[in-house]
C-alpha atoms as a PDB file:
ATOM      1  CA  MET A   1     105.773 117.708  92.210  1.00  0.00           C
ATOM      2  CA  GLY A   2     102.615 119.417  93.454  1.00  0.00           C
ATOM      3  CA  LEU A   3      99.973 118.189  95.884  1.00  0.00           C
ATOM      4  CA  TYR A   4      96.852 116.911  94.312  1.00  0.00           C
ATOM      5  CA  LYS A   5      94.645 115.599  96.426  1.00  0.00           C
ATOM      6  CA  THR A   6      67.227 103.851  73.669  1.00  0.00           C
ATOM      7  CA  LYS A   7      64.945 103.608  71.816  1.00  0.00           C
ATOM      8  CA  SER A   8      64.952 100.798  69.353  1.00  0.00           C
ATOM      9  CA  LYS A   9      68.320  99.707  68.148  1.00  0.00           C
ATOM     10  CA  HIS A  10      69.681 101.255  64.993  1.00  0.00           C
ATOM     11  CA  TYR A  11      72.551  99.082  63.927  1.00  0.00           C
ATOM     12  CA  ILE A  12      75.279 100.443  61.730  1.00  0.00           C
ATOM     13  CA  ASN A  13      74.763  99.709  58.070  1.00  0.00           C
ATOM     14  CA  ASP A  14      77.643 101.953  56.588  1.00  0.00           C
ATOM     15  CA  THR A  15      79.965  99.437  55.018  1.00  0.00           C
ATOM     16  CA  TYR A  16      83.139 101.422  55.792  1.00  0.00           C
ATOM     17  CA  TYR A  17      82.351 101.953  59.433  1.00  0.00           C
ATOM     18  CA  GLN A  18      81.078  98.317  59.675  1.00  0.00           C
ATOM     19  CA  ASN A  19      84.364  96.992  58.385  1.00  0.00           C
ATOM     20  CA  THR A  20      86.360  99.220  60.743  1.00  0.00           C
ATOM     21  CA  ILE A  21      84.367  98.352  63.771  1.00  0.00           C
ATOM     22  CA  ILE A  22      84.844  94.671  62.966  1.00  0.00           C
ATOM     23  CA  SER A  23      88.545  95.217  62.859  1.00  0.00           C
ATOM     24  CA  ILE A  24      88.434  97.021  66.133  1.00  0.00           C
ATOM     25  CA  PHE A  25      86.397  94.241  67.681  1.00  0.00           C
ATOM     26  CA  ILE A  26      88.865  91.619  66.587  1.00  0.00           C
ATOM     27  CA  LEU A  27      91.675  93.625  68.165  1.00  0.00           C
ATOM     28  CA  SER A  28      89.546  93.913  71.226  1.00  0.00           C
ATOM     29  CA  LEU A  29      89.107  90.146  71.533  1.00  0.00           C
ATOM     30  CA  ILE A  30      92.865  89.954  71.781  1.00  0.00           C
ATOM     31  CA  THR A  31      93.266  92.906  74.024  1.00  0.00           C
ATOM     32  CA  PHE A  32      90.501  92.385  76.537  1.00  0.00           C
ATOM     33  CA  SER A  33      91.271  88.869  77.775  1.00  0.00           C
ATOM     34  CA  SER A  34      89.757  89.589  81.203  1.00  0.00           C
ATOM     35  CA  VAL A  35      87.364  87.751  83.514  1.00  0.00           C
ATOM     36  CA  VAL A  36      84.129  89.827  83.887  1.00  0.00           C
ATOM     37  CA  SER A  37      82.360  89.968  87.277  1.00  0.00           C
ATOM     38  CA  SER A  38      78.695  89.285  87.408  1.00  0.00           C
ATOM     39  CA  SER A  39      78.202  92.612  89.272  1.00  0.00           C
ATOM     40  CA  PHE A  40      78.036  94.567  86.037  1.00  0.00           C
ATOM     41  CA  SER A  41      74.570  96.069  85.606  1.00  0.00           C
ATOM     42  CA  VAL A  42      75.200  97.457  82.129  1.00  0.00           C
ATOM     43  CA  ASP A  43      74.746  95.457  78.975  1.00  0.00           C
ATOM     44  CA  LEU A  44      78.389  94.764  77.976  1.00  0.00           C
ATOM     45  CA  SER A  45      77.528  93.320  74.648  1.00  0.00           C
ATOM     46  CA  THR A  46      76.050  96.412  72.916  1.00  0.00           C
ATOM     47  CA  ALA A  47      77.426 100.006  72.767  1.00  0.00           C
ATOM     48  CA  ILE A  48      76.220 103.197  71.311  1.00  0.00           C
ATOM     49  CA  LEU A  49      78.681 104.297  68.720  1.00  0.00           C
ATOM     50  CA  LEU A  50      79.772 107.880  68.433  1.00  0.00           C
ATOM     51  CA  ARG A  51      82.150 108.828  65.556  1.00  0.00           C
ATOM     52  CA  VAL A  52      84.593 111.699  65.771  1.00  0.00           C
ATOM     53  CA  ASP A  53      85.952 112.929  62.425  1.00  0.00           C
ATOM     54  CA  GLN A  54      87.709 116.242  61.740  1.00  0.00           C
ATOM     55  CA  SER A  55      86.563 116.138  58.098  1.00  0.00           C
ATOM     56  CA  GLY A  56      82.931 116.425  59.196  1.00  0.00           C
ATOM     57  CA  LYS A  57      82.026 112.977  58.109  1.00  0.00           C
ATOM     58  CA  GLY A  58      81.338 111.715  61.597  1.00  0.00           C
ATOM     59  CA  ASP A  59      78.876 112.541  64.310  1.00  0.00           C
ATOM     60  CA  PHE A  60      81.268 115.115  65.781  1.00  0.00           C
ATOM     61  CA  ASN A  61      84.296 117.113  64.807  1.00  0.00           C
ATOM     62  CA  LYS A  62      85.867 117.175  68.247  1.00  0.00           C
ATOM     63  CA  ILE A  63      86.362 114.565  70.988  1.00  0.00           C
ATOM     64  CA  GLN A  64      85.065 116.704  73.730  1.00  0.00           C
ATOM     65  CA  GLU A  65      81.843 117.363  71.738  1.00  0.00           C
ATOM     66  CA  ALA A  66      81.216 113.569  71.668  1.00  0.00           C
ATOM     67  CA  ILE A  67      81.791 113.296  75.400  1.00  0.00           C
ATOM     68  CA  ASP A  68      79.533 116.287  76.040  1.00  0.00           C
ATOM     69  CA  SER A  69      76.665 114.739  74.151  1.00  0.00           C
ATOM     70  CA  ILE A  70      76.526 111.730  76.406  1.00  0.00           C
ATOM     71  CA  PRO A  71      73.903 112.094  79.192  1.00  0.00           C
ATOM     72  CA  PRO A  72      74.795 111.355  82.784  1.00  0.00           C
ATOM     73  CA  ASN A  73      74.980 107.578  83.177  1.00  0.00           C
ATOM     74  CA  LEU A  74      75.233 107.042  86.948  1.00  0.00           C
ATOM     75  CA  GLU A  75      72.875 104.039  86.868  1.00  0.00           C
ATOM     76  CA  ASN A  76      75.274 102.333  84.502  1.00  0.00           C
ATOM     77  CA  SER A  77      72.674 101.660  82.034  1.00  0.00           C
ATOM     78  CA  GLN A  78      74.562 102.138  78.733  1.00  0.00           C
ATOM     79  CA  LEU A  79      77.915 101.544  77.198  1.00  0.00           C
ATOM     80  CA  TYR A  80      79.337 104.241  74.881  1.00  0.00           C
ATOM     81  CA  PHE A  81      82.016 103.694  72.319  1.00  0.00           C
ATOM     82  CA  ILE A  82      83.699 106.860  70.899  1.00  0.00           C
ATOM     83  CA  TRP A  83      85.610 105.989  67.714  1.00  0.00           C
ATOM     84  CA  VAL A  84      88.127 108.738  66.842  1.00  0.00           C
ATOM     85  CA  LYS A  85      89.147 108.737  63.140  1.00  0.00           C
ATOM     86  CA  PRO A  86      92.808 109.408  62.302  1.00  0.00           C
ATOM     87  CA  GLY A  87      93.949 112.921  62.750  1.00  0.00           C
ATOM     88  CA  VAL A  88      95.629 115.451  65.206  1.00  0.00           C
ATOM     89  CA  TYR A  89      93.028 116.777  67.650  1.00  0.00           C
ATOM     90  CA  ARG A  90      94.169 119.912  69.377  1.00  0.00           C
ATOM     91  CA  GLU A  91      92.015 120.153  72.448  1.00  0.00           C
ATOM     92  CA  LYS A  92      91.806 119.512  76.152  1.00  0.00           C
ATOM     93  CA  VAL A  93      89.532 116.721  77.062  1.00  0.00           C
ATOM     94  CA  VAL A  94      87.729 115.879  80.304  1.00  0.00           C
ATOM     95  CA  ILE A  95      85.623 112.792  81.029  1.00  0.00           C
ATOM     96  CA  PRO A  96      83.331 113.885  83.937  1.00  0.00           C
ATOM     97  CA  ALA A  97      82.517 111.587  86.838  1.00  0.00           C
ATOM     98  CA  ASP A  98      78.881 111.130  86.020  1.00  0.00           C
ATOM     99  CA  LYS A  99      79.707 109.501  82.563  1.00  0.00           C
ATOM    100  CA  PRO A 100      81.010 106.026  83.292  1.00  0.00           C
ATOM    101  CA  TYR A 101      81.431 103.190  80.863  1.00  0.00           C
ATOM    102  CA  ILE A 102      82.938 105.156  78.032  1.00  0.00           C
ATOM    103  CA  THR A 103      85.448 103.690  75.652  1.00  0.00           C
ATOM    104  CA  LEU A 104      87.542 106.279  73.788  1.00  0.00           C
ATOM    105  CA  SER A 105      89.248 104.509  70.811  1.00  0.00           C
ATOM    106  CA  GLY A 106      91.544 105.704  68.065  1.00  0.00           C
ATOM    107  CA  THR A 107      92.318 103.505  65.055  1.00  0.00           C
ATOM    108  CA  LYS A 108      95.936 103.282  65.977  1.00  0.00           C
ATOM    109  CA  ALA A 109      98.118 105.483  68.208  1.00  0.00           C
ATOM    110  CA  SER A 110     100.511 106.424  65.379  1.00  0.00           C
ATOM    111  CA  ASN A 111      97.869 108.344  63.465  1.00  0.00           C
ATOM    112  CA  THR A 112      95.287 109.332  66.090  1.00  0.00           C
ATOM    113  CA  VAL A 113      96.739 112.066  68.315  1.00  0.00           C
ATOM    114  CA  LEU A 114      95.285 114.175  71.142  1.00  0.00           C
ATOM    115  CA  ILE A 115      97.597 117.106  71.850  1.00  0.00           C
ATOM    116  CA  TRP A 116      97.679 120.295  73.950  1.00  0.00           C
ATOM    117  CA  SER A 117     100.349 122.535  75.515  1.00  0.00           C
ATOM    118  CA  ASP A 118      99.942 123.525  79.107  1.00  0.00           C
ATOM    119  CA  GLY A 119     102.171 123.457  82.107  1.00  0.00           C
ATOM    120  CA  GLU A 120     103.360 124.503  85.581  1.00  0.00           C
ATOM    121  CA  ASP A 121     100.096 123.389  87.395  1.00  0.00           C
ATOM    122  CA  ILE A 122      99.817 119.667  87.801  1.00  0.00           C
ATOM    123  CA  LEU A 123      95.992 119.600  87.996  1.00  0.00           C
ATOM    124  CA  ALA A 124      95.336 122.311  85.364  1.00  0.00           C
ATOM    125  CA  SER A 125      97.817 121.039  82.728  1.00  0.00           C
ATOM    126  CA  PRO A 126      96.457 117.656  81.637  1.00  0.00           C
ATOM    127  CA  THR A 127      95.625 117.088  77.976  1.00  0.00           C
ATOM    128  CA  LEU A 128      93.227 114.380  78.989  1.00  0.00           C
ATOM    129  CA  THR A 129      91.629 114.074  82.508  1.00  0.00           C
ATOM    130  CA  VAL A 130      89.550 111.124  83.468  1.00  0.00           C
ATOM    131  CA  PHE A 131      87.226 111.246  86.407  1.00  0.00           C
ATOM    132  CA  ALA A 132      84.642 108.633  85.241  1.00  0.00           C
ATOM    133  CA  SER A 133      84.851 105.040  86.450  1.00  0.00           C
ATOM    134  CA  ASP A 134      84.998 102.083  84.103  1.00  0.00           C
ATOM    135  CA  PHE A 135      86.768 104.150  81.320  1.00  0.00           C
ATOM    136  CA  ILE A 136      88.766 102.579  78.605  1.00  0.00           C
ATOM    137  CA  CYS A 137      91.176 104.286  76.175  1.00  0.00           C
ATOM    138  CA  ARG A 138      92.695 102.532  73.246  1.00  0.00           C
ATOM    139  CA  PHE A 139      95.056 103.177  70.345  1.00  0.00           C
ATOM    140  CA  LEU A 140      95.476 106.896  71.042  1.00  0.00           C
ATOM    141  CA  THR A 141      98.454 109.122  71.433  1.00  0.00           C
ATOM    142  CA  ILE A 142      98.056 111.769  74.252  1.00  0.00           C
ATOM    143  CA  GLN A 143     100.691 114.639  74.276  1.00  0.00           C
ATOM    144  CA  ASN A 144     101.472 117.617  76.333  1.00  0.00           C
ATOM    145  CA  LYS A 145     103.840 119.711  74.360  1.00  0.00           C
ATOM    146  CA  PHE A 146     104.627 122.335  77.079  1.00  0.00           C
ATOM    147  CA  GLY A 147     108.283 121.380  77.183  1.00  0.00           C
ATOM    148  CA  THR A 148     110.863 121.183  79.969  1.00  0.00           C
ATOM    149  CA  ALA A 149     109.957 124.306  82.110  1.00  0.00           C
ATOM    150  CA  GLY A 150     107.684 122.628  84.595  1.00  0.00           C
ATOM    151  CA  GLN A 151     104.999 120.173  85.297  1.00  0.00           C
ATOM    152  CA  ALA A 152     103.102 119.295  82.213  1.00  0.00           C
ATOM    153  CA  VAL A 153     100.682 116.331  82.484  1.00  0.00           C
ATOM    154  CA  ALA A 154      99.577 114.425  79.356  1.00  0.00           C
ATOM    155  CA  LEU A 155      97.134 112.237  81.165  1.00  0.00           C
ATOM    156  CA  ARG A 156      95.481 112.472  84.592  1.00  0.00           C
ATOM    157  CA  VAL A 157      93.500 109.415  85.766  1.00  0.00           C
ATOM    158  CA  ALA A 158      91.409 110.000  88.896  1.00  0.00           C
ATOM    159  CA  ALA A 159      88.761 107.348  88.245  1.00  0.00           C
ATOM    160  CA  ASP A 160      87.900 104.204  90.353  1.00  0.00           C
ATOM    161  CA  ASN A 161      88.543 101.841  87.392  1.00  0.00           C
ATOM    162  CA  ALA A 162      90.297 102.674  84.143  1.00  0.00           C
ATOM    163  CA  ALA A 163      92.231 100.771  81.537  1.00  0.00           C
ATOM    164  CA  PHE A 164      94.489 101.818  78.731  1.00  0.00           C
ATOM    165  CA  TYR A 165      95.553  99.713  75.746  1.00  0.00           C
ATOM    166  CA  GLY A 166      98.092 100.447  73.082  1.00  0.00           C
ATOM    167  CA  CYS A 167      98.328 104.166  73.979  1.00  0.00           C
ATOM    168  CA  VAL A 168     101.369 106.528  73.721  1.00  0.00           C
ATOM    169  CA  LEU A 169     101.739 109.069  76.514  1.00  0.00           C
ATOM    170  CA  THR A 170     104.479 111.842  76.048  1.00  0.00           C
ATOM    171  CA  SER A 171     105.543 114.974  77.911  1.00  0.00           C
ATOM    172  CA  TYR A 172     108.618 115.760  80.034  1.00  0.00           C
ATOM    173  CA  GLN A 173     107.702 116.189  83.707  1.00  0.00           C
ATOM    174  CA  ASP A 174     104.802 114.320  85.279  1.00  0.00           C
ATOM    175  CA  THR A 175     103.641 112.836  81.894  1.00  0.00           C
ATOM    176  CA  LEU A 176     101.160 110.392  83.576  1.00  0.00           C
ATOM    177  CA  LEU A 177      99.461 111.596  86.766  1.00  0.00           C
ATOM    178  CA  ASP A 178      98.162 108.168  87.947  1.00  0.00           C
ATOM    179  CA  ASP A 179      96.168 109.979  90.585  1.00  0.00           C
ATOM    180  CA  ASN A 180      93.870 107.553  92.328  1.00  0.00           C
ATOM    181  CA  GLY A 181      91.807 104.355  91.754  1.00  0.00           C
ATOM    182  CA  ASN A 182      92.479 100.979  90.144  1.00  0.00           C
ATOM    183  CA  HIS A 183      94.142 101.170  86.746  1.00  0.00           C
ATOM    184  CA  TYR A 184      95.544  98.937  84.098  1.00  0.00           C
ATOM    185  CA  PHE A 185      97.890  99.820  81.289  1.00  0.00           C
ATOM    186  CA  LYS A 186      98.796  97.336  78.660  1.00  0.00           C
ATOM    187  CA  ASN A 187     101.185  97.706  75.578  1.00  0.00           C
ATOM    188  CA  CYS A 188     101.498 101.411  76.225  1.00  0.00           C
ATOM    189  CA  TYR A 189     104.504 103.698  75.619  1.00  0.00           C
ATOM    190  CA  ILE A 190     105.217 106.306  78.286  1.00  0.00           C
ATOM    191  CA  GLU A 191     107.828 108.940  77.786  1.00  0.00           C
ATOM    192  CA  GLY A 192     109.174 111.672  80.139  1.00  0.00           C
ATOM    193  CA  ALA A 193     112.092 112.732  82.230  1.00  0.00           C
ATOM    194  CA  THR A 194     111.110 113.690  85.761  1.00  0.00           C
ATOM    195  CA  ASP A 195     108.587 111.711  87.815  1.00  0.00           C
ATOM    196  CA  PHE A 196     106.888 110.856  84.663  1.00  0.00           C
ATOM    197  CA  ILE A 197     104.644 108.239  86.149  1.00  0.00           C
ATOM    198  CA  CYS A 198     103.360 109.622  89.477  1.00  0.00           C
ATOM    199  CA  GLY A 199     100.431 109.542  91.804  1.00  0.00           C
ATOM    200  CA  SER A 200      98.734 107.387  94.507  1.00  0.00           C
ATOM    201  CA  ALA A 201      96.840 104.893  92.345  1.00  0.00           C
ATOM    202  CA  SER A 202      96.997 101.124  92.431  1.00  0.00           C
ATOM    203  CA  SER A 203      98.118 100.291  88.884  1.00  0.00           C
ATOM    204  CA  LEU A 204      99.406  97.363  86.924  1.00  0.00           C
ATOM    205  CA  TYR A 205     101.587  98.166  83.837  1.00  0.00           C
ATOM    206  CA  GLU A 206     101.883  95.195  81.555  1.00  0.00           C
ATOM    207  CA  ASN A 207     104.208  94.971  78.495  1.00  0.00           C
ATOM    208  CA  CYS A 208     104.710  98.706  78.545  1.00  0.00           C
ATOM    209  CA  HIS A 209     107.690 100.672  77.258  1.00  0.00           C
ATOM    210  CA  LEU A 210     109.041 103.361  79.643  1.00  0.00           C
ATOM    211  CA  HIS A 211     111.436 105.837  77.919  1.00  0.00           C
ATOM    212  CA  SER A 212     113.348 108.355  79.887  1.00  0.00           C
ATOM    213  CA  LEU A 213     114.566 111.608  78.383  1.00  0.00           C
ATOM    214  CA  SER A 214     116.422 112.765  81.522  1.00  0.00           C
ATOM    215  CA  PRO A 215     120.000 113.822  80.865  1.00  0.00           C
ATOM    216  CA  ASN A 216     121.090 112.993  84.423  1.00  0.00           C
ATOM    217  CA  ASN A 217     119.425 111.138  87.414  1.00  0.00           C
ATOM    218  CA  GLY A 218     115.850 111.724  86.547  1.00  0.00           C
ATOM    219  CA  SER A 219     113.115 109.465  88.058  1.00  0.00           C
ATOM    220  CA  ILE A 220     110.641 107.238  86.223  1.00  0.00           C
ATOM    221  CA  THR A 221     108.258 106.937  89.087  1.00  0.00           C
ATOM    222  CA  ALA A 222     107.116 109.003  92.064  1.00  0.00           C
ATOM    223  CA  GLN A 223     104.485 106.985  93.743  1.00  0.00           C
ATOM    224  CA  MET A 224     102.593 108.444  96.710  1.00  0.00           C
ATOM    225  CA  ARG A 225     101.479 106.111  99.517  1.00  0.00           C
ATOM    226  CA  THR A 226     101.079 107.568 103.004  1.00  0.00           C
ATOM    227  CA  SER A 227     100.715 104.532 105.182  1.00  0.00           C
ATOM    228  CA  ALA A 228     101.744 100.961 105.305  1.00  0.00           C
ATOM    229  CA  THR A 229      98.040  99.756 105.154  1.00  0.00           C
ATOM    230  CA  GLU A 230      97.194 101.713 102.078  1.00  0.00           C
ATOM    231  CA  LYS A 231      96.743  99.415  99.064  1.00  0.00           C
ATOM    232  CA  SER A 232      98.091 101.748  96.399  1.00  0.00           C
ATOM    233  CA  GLY A 233     101.263 101.045  94.433  1.00  0.00           C
ATOM    234  CA  PHE A 234     102.666 100.577  90.908  1.00  0.00           C
ATOM    235  CA  THR A 235     103.569  97.235  89.387  1.00  0.00           C
ATOM    236  CA  PHE A 236     105.538  96.986  86.139  1.00  0.00           C
ATOM    237  CA  LEU A 237     105.198  93.487  84.634  1.00  0.00           C
ATOM    238  CA  GLY A 238     107.205  92.507  81.566  1.00  0.00           C
ATOM    239  CA  CYS A 239     108.073  96.119  80.783  1.00  0.00           C
ATOM    240  CA  LYS A 240     110.957  97.724  79.061  1.00  0.00           C
ATOM    241  CA  VAL A 241     112.921 100.640  80.358  1.00  0.00           C
ATOM    242  CA  THR A 242     115.131 102.592  77.806  1.00  0.00           C
ATOM    243  CA  GLY A 243     116.239 106.182  77.414  1.00  0.00           C
ATOM    244  CA  THR A 244     119.073 108.620  77.254  1.00  0.00           C
ATOM    245  CA  GLY A 245     121.239 109.813  80.093  1.00  0.00           C
ATOM    246  CA  SER A 246     120.484 108.167  83.422  1.00  0.00           C
ATOM    247  CA  SER A 247     117.398 107.679  85.568  1.00  0.00           C
ATOM    248  CA  PHE A 248     116.231 106.112  88.776  1.00  0.00           C
ATOM    249  CA  LEU A 249     113.468 103.597  88.796  1.00  0.00           C
ATOM    250  CA  GLY A 250     111.670 105.692  91.348  1.00  0.00           C
ATOM    251  CA  ARG A 251     111.714 108.106  94.277  1.00  0.00           C
ATOM    252  CA  PRO A 252     109.220 108.380  97.095  1.00  0.00           C
ATOM    253  CA  TRP A 253     106.423 110.908  96.844  1.00  0.00           C
ATOM    254  CA  GLY A 254     105.108 109.723 100.273  1.00  0.00           C
ATOM    255  CA  ALA A 255     106.825 107.910 103.051  1.00  0.00           C
ATOM    256  CA  TYR A 256     105.397 104.506 102.166  1.00  0.00           C
ATOM    257  CA  SER A 257     105.911 104.672  98.354  1.00  0.00           C
ATOM    258  CA  ARG A 258     105.461 101.241  96.713  1.00  0.00           C
ATOM    259  CA  VAL A 259     106.814 100.250  93.307  1.00  0.00           C
ATOM    260  CA  VAL A 260     107.725  96.797  91.916  1.00  0.00           C
ATOM    261  CA  PHE A 261     109.348  95.863  88.578  1.00  0.00           C
ATOM    262  CA  ALA A 262     109.060  92.211  87.524  1.00  0.00           C
ATOM    263  CA  TYR A 263     110.194  90.309  84.549  1.00  0.00           C
ATOM    264  CA  SER A 264     111.281  93.714  83.017  1.00  0.00           C
ATOM    265  CA  PHE A 265     114.201  94.690  80.807  1.00  0.00           C
ATOM    266  CA  PHE A 266     116.430  97.482  82.061  1.00  0.00           C
ATOM    267  CA  SER A 267     118.822  99.245  79.643  1.00  0.00           C
ATOM    268  CA  ASP A 268     121.864 101.038  80.914  1.00  0.00           C
ATOM    269  CA  VAL A 269     119.691 104.171  81.362  1.00  0.00           C
ATOM    270  CA  VAL A 270     118.912 102.752  84.842  1.00  0.00           C
ATOM    271  CA  ALA A 271     121.265 104.240  87.409  1.00  0.00           C
ATOM    272  CA  PRO A 272     123.333 101.617  89.248  1.00  0.00           C
ATOM    273  CA  GLN A 273     121.812 102.660  92.530  1.00  0.00           C
ATOM    274  CA  GLY A 274     118.350 101.909  91.151  1.00  0.00           C
ATOM    275  CA  TRP A 275     116.266 104.062  93.480  1.00  0.00           C
ATOM    276  CA  ASN A 276     116.595 107.507  95.066  1.00  0.00           C
ATOM    277  CA  GLU A 277     115.487 108.752  98.500  1.00  0.00           C
ATOM    278  CA  TRP A 278     114.556 112.185  97.300  1.00  0.00           C
ATOM    279  CA  GLY A 279     116.603 113.952  99.917  1.00  0.00           C
ATOM    280  CA  ASP A 280     114.886 112.272 102.955  1.00  0.00           C
ATOM    281  CA  SER A 281     116.695 109.227 104.293  1.00  0.00           C
ATOM    282  CA  SER A 282     113.963 108.676 106.929  1.00  0.00           C
ATOM    283  CA  LYS A 283     111.877 107.158 104.149  1.00  0.00           C
ATOM    284  CA  ASN A 284     114.475 104.400 103.609  1.00  0.00           C
ATOM    285  CA  ASN A 285     112.859 102.396 106.303  1.00  0.00           C
ATOM    286  CA  THR A 286     109.330 102.705 105.027  1.00  0.00           C
ATOM    287  CA  VAL A 287     109.346 102.614 101.267  1.00  0.00           C
ATOM    288  CA  TYR A 288     108.804  99.410  99.363  1.00  0.00           C
ATOM    289  CA  TYR A 289     110.949  99.159  96.252  1.00  0.00           C
ATOM    290  CA  GLY A 290     111.270  95.810  94.733  1.00  0.00           C
ATOM    291  CA  GLU A 291     112.705  94.024  91.631  1.00  0.00           C
ATOM    292  CA  TYR A 292     111.957  90.488  90.623  1.00  0.00           C
ATOM    293  CA  LYS A 293     113.604  88.539  87.848  1.00  0.00           C
ATOM    294  CA  CYS A 294     114.468  91.678  85.800  1.00  0.00           C
ATOM    295  CA  TYR A 295     117.299  91.599  83.288  1.00  0.00           C
ATOM    296  CA  GLY A 296     119.467  93.674  81.024  1.00  0.00           C
ATOM    297  CA  PRO A 297     122.515  95.941  81.695  1.00  0.00           C
ATOM    298  CA  GLY A 298     120.600  98.096  84.120  1.00  0.00           C
ATOM    299  CA  ALA A 299     119.407  95.127  86.285  1.00  0.00           C
ATOM    300  CA  ASP A 300     122.719  94.444  87.916  1.00  0.00           C
ATOM    301  CA  ARG A 301     121.992  94.933  91.742  1.00  0.00           C
ATOM    302  CA  ARG A 302     125.543  95.064  93.001  1.00  0.00           C
ATOM    303  CA  GLU A 303     125.324  98.779  93.508  1.00  0.00           C
ATOM    304  CA  ARG A 304     121.657  99.063  94.386  1.00  0.00           C
ATOM    305  CA  VAL A 305     120.702 101.043  97.490  1.00  0.00           C
ATOM    306  CA  LYS A 306     120.393  98.669 100.506  1.00  0.00           C
ATOM    307  CA  TRP A 307     116.841  99.649 101.230  1.00  0.00           C
ATOM    308  CA  SER A 308     115.498  98.291  97.935  1.00  0.00           C
ATOM    309  CA  LYS A 309     114.542  94.679  97.717  1.00  0.00           C
ATOM    310  CA  GLN A 310     115.335  91.680  95.549  1.00  0.00           C
ATOM    311  CA  LEU A 311     111.994  89.987  95.908  1.00  0.00           C
ATOM    312  CA  SER A 312     111.529  86.257  96.667  1.00  0.00           C
ATOM    313  CA  ASP A 313     108.958  84.275  94.842  1.00  0.00           C
ATOM    314  CA  GLU A 314     106.552  84.518  97.780  1.00  0.00           C
ATOM    315  CA  GLU A 315     107.091  88.291  98.109  1.00  0.00           C
ATOM    316  CA  ALA A 316     106.609  88.921  94.431  1.00  0.00           C
ATOM    317  CA  ALA A 317     103.415  86.868  93.967  1.00  0.00           C
ATOM    318  CA  VAL A 318     100.926  89.461  95.095  1.00  0.00           C
ATOM    319  CA  PHE A 319     102.199  91.880  92.379  1.00  0.00           C
ATOM    320  CA  LEU A 320     102.125  89.446  89.407  1.00  0.00           C
ATOM    321  CA  SER A 321      98.476  89.304  88.448  1.00  0.00           C
ATOM    322  CA  LYS A 322      95.395  91.551  87.855  1.00  0.00           C
ATOM    323  CA  ASP A 323      94.328  90.753  91.470  1.00  0.00           C
ATOM    324  CA  PHE A 324      96.624  93.557  92.506  1.00  0.00           C
ATOM    325  CA  ILE A 325      94.130  95.985  91.052  1.00  0.00           C
ATOM    326  CA  GLY A 326      91.038  93.889  91.570  1.00  0.00           C
ATOM    327  CA  GLY A 327      90.798  93.420  87.858  1.00  0.00           C
ATOM    328  CA  LYS A 328      88.307  90.390  87.946  1.00  0.00           C
ATOM    329  CA  ASP A 329      85.747  92.740  89.295  1.00  0.00           C
ATOM    330  CA  TRP A 330      85.969  95.463  86.659  1.00  0.00           C
ATOM    331  CA  LEU A 331      88.020  94.658  83.533  1.00  0.00           C
ATOM    332  CA  ARG A 332      85.646  93.986  80.674  1.00  0.00           C
ATOM    333  CA  PRO A 333      85.585  92.712  77.163  1.00  0.00           C
ATOM    334  CA  ALA A 334      84.769  94.827  74.163  1.00  0.00           C
ATOM    335  CA  PRO A 335      81.273  95.051  72.952  1.00  0.00           C
ATOM    336  CA  SER A 336      80.154  92.737  70.091  1.00  0.00           C
ATOM    337  CA  HIS A 337      77.350  94.923  68.814  1.00  0.00           C
ATOM    338  CA  PHE A 338      77.052  98.616  68.085  1.00  0.00           C
ATOM    339  CA  LYS A 339      74.118 100.946  67.556  1.00  0.00           C
ATOM    340  CA  ASN A 340      73.727 104.519  66.474  1.00  0.00           C
ATOM    341  CA  ALA A 341      73.153 107.217  69.073  1.00  0.00           C
ATOM    342  CA  PRO A 342      69.703 108.712  69.416  1.00  0.00           C
ATOM    343  CA  LYS A 343      69.320 111.750  67.205  1.00  0.00           C
ATOM    344  CA  SER A 344      69.543 114.092  70.135  1.00  0.00           C
ATOM    345  CA  ASN A 345      73.067 112.866  70.892  1.00  0.00           C
ATOM    346  CA  SER A 346      74.653 113.667  67.626  1.00  0.00           C
ATOM    347  CA  LYS A 347      75.254 116.955  65.720  1.00  0.00           C
ATOM    348  CA  GLU A 348      72.389 118.148  63.426  1.00  0.00           C
END
């Protein structure tokens, strides 16, 4: 691990795109079952649609080109929906901090892939980096193909609020740098070997599949929390842990590291001890590692380290809803209407 500290509306009349957007919207109604706060200043019902298509039939050929076309949006005045058509997009992508309220959506993760190969530096390596608040990513595979030689981040999220639905994240070490902010992951597949979910964010992972590639005693999480009053932590709710070899549920990247697994399935890839102190036994008194009503061959707690917890109903309650990430204040539904971008936003 390393230290990281419009003008009039032009509604879409293309039948093909119209039908696809309708399909995406229907999926969204299922996916975004969140309560929306009245504090939103942006119109959540209508989004400017930008289409990315490698064949040249969209508004842009590359994902970053679409993002670069969006003007700074710090007044939260406009929603943008970037629809990425199926294909393998070989590029590094950054969502800058001055462009909030972007949705980046593939058609489905199995045929819409963002891929790069970079490693060794945890901050320089990510295939996708998100700095902008109120970002949503859906139905996209994000890969870092650097290999096993060092840190190789597929996704870095350093945004106040961000949500990921039906995404696939793959690498080996530090696959997901869940850096800081409040984040929500649902129905995602995350694969790696060493600390492949790491960072100091407050995040809720719901119905996600975590797959370990570690041959021997890897670690799924490395959560950083530096004080008992810091609200950060990772909650895994209704998740599935599988893999090859053996792996710990977590080890502390920070003395007050906090990770909870609830209602989750553990295959026998989970080491009997469950958790690892990362060579510093002094952290045993300050970390918060809990399990609640988990099941499967790896959920047997008879050989668990004594400093992990089997949570009571009362102890677990705070980790079992979107309140853990303040979700009622920022999770939003999908837009119900789409309009074309102004001419200056799209390619000539």
